[in-house]
Amino acid sequence: MALPKRIAIHEVGPREGMQIEKNPVATADKIRLVDMLSECNFPEIEVTSFVSPKWVPQMADAEEVVAGIKARPGTAYTGIYLNSQGMVRALKTNKLTVLGKLSITASETFSKKNTNRTLEETLAEAEERIAAAREWNVKITEIGVMSAFGCNYQGDIAPELVISLIDRLIGTARENDLPIELIQLADTMGWANPLSIRRLVGMVQDKWPEYKINLHLHDTRGLGLANVFAALEMGVDDFDSAVAGLGGCPYAGFKDAPGNIVTEDLVHLCQEIGVETGVDLDKLVEVAREAERIVGHPLPGKVMRGGDLSSYRRKLQTTV
């Protein structure tokens, strides 16, 4: 299959990155990071999480951050929420694009650790999520599966299990006339490889060709961009990533394990193979370096250190 001509990149660094940092990050720095990213021409930036400050104190300033950012026309600003209380908080900012999602974790063990719910309990709660969303006129347009490729607590996840979970959620969505548009597959702990990407993506495409696929990939073991390329070959054109590689999953392994695929490295890959992103890579590299200064420790991005090849080509042309 030919590679997509263009992909959409959803920048999740401000949310994924800040929520895992042990040292507090100043609200002003969070706002500055989002504003700098806004200049890079992303279609969507995930700003924060509306979760309990008791459990995630790093997100206690969610409303302040949203209030402080300078929204750029053409960019959707979003936030994560896990329940109706968080959804209402996001709505009350009057600044965010608030969309609903029916989510589940493919790993029974991780589901219990992460949400204190079994898979069956999570599926049963879908109706409650739908009712809450309807009460507040929030459209549920996505279905998401976390740990869709594997789990540190349970091992490899059978793609047939993932398909069955998606099938049940789609059944619930259709019973409730939900306008589902997208299926997200998340490699939460970095278990995917190019072959497993092709297999699961292919199974989803075969069964539900009418839905777009988004991949939320982690680079925990260095296979992130290889997995991206495999997905591009399958026609996937929608990805999540984090500037400089901010963030990660606290359950993914060693505490210093890389998290999300690096946005500027993803943009650079696409630039080199002729896939458009619309993202300004020069500006993004500067944002990546600033992100590293903000958190005060090295981040896994490579292009921000090695430079992008287009810049080198331009320099070489001017010296000839």
Foldseek 3Di string as FASTA:
>chain_A
DDFAQAFAEEAEQQAQFQQLFPDAFDLVLLQVLVQLQQVFQHQEYERYEQDDCVVRVSRVCVLVSQLRHDDDPNHAYHYHYDDLVRQVVRVVSVRHQDAAELEDELDQVVCCVPPVDGRVRSLVCPVVSVVSCVVVVHAYAEYEYALCAAAPVGGGGDLVSVVVSVVSVVVVCVVVVGNHAEYEYENQQARDALVSLLVNVVVCCVVCVRHAYEYFYWCQPNRQVVNVVSVSVVVHRHYYFYALQRHGDCRNDDSPGGHTHHPLVNCLVCVVVNHHHSTDSVSSLVSSVSVCVSSVHHGNDDCNPVPHVVVVVVVVVVVD
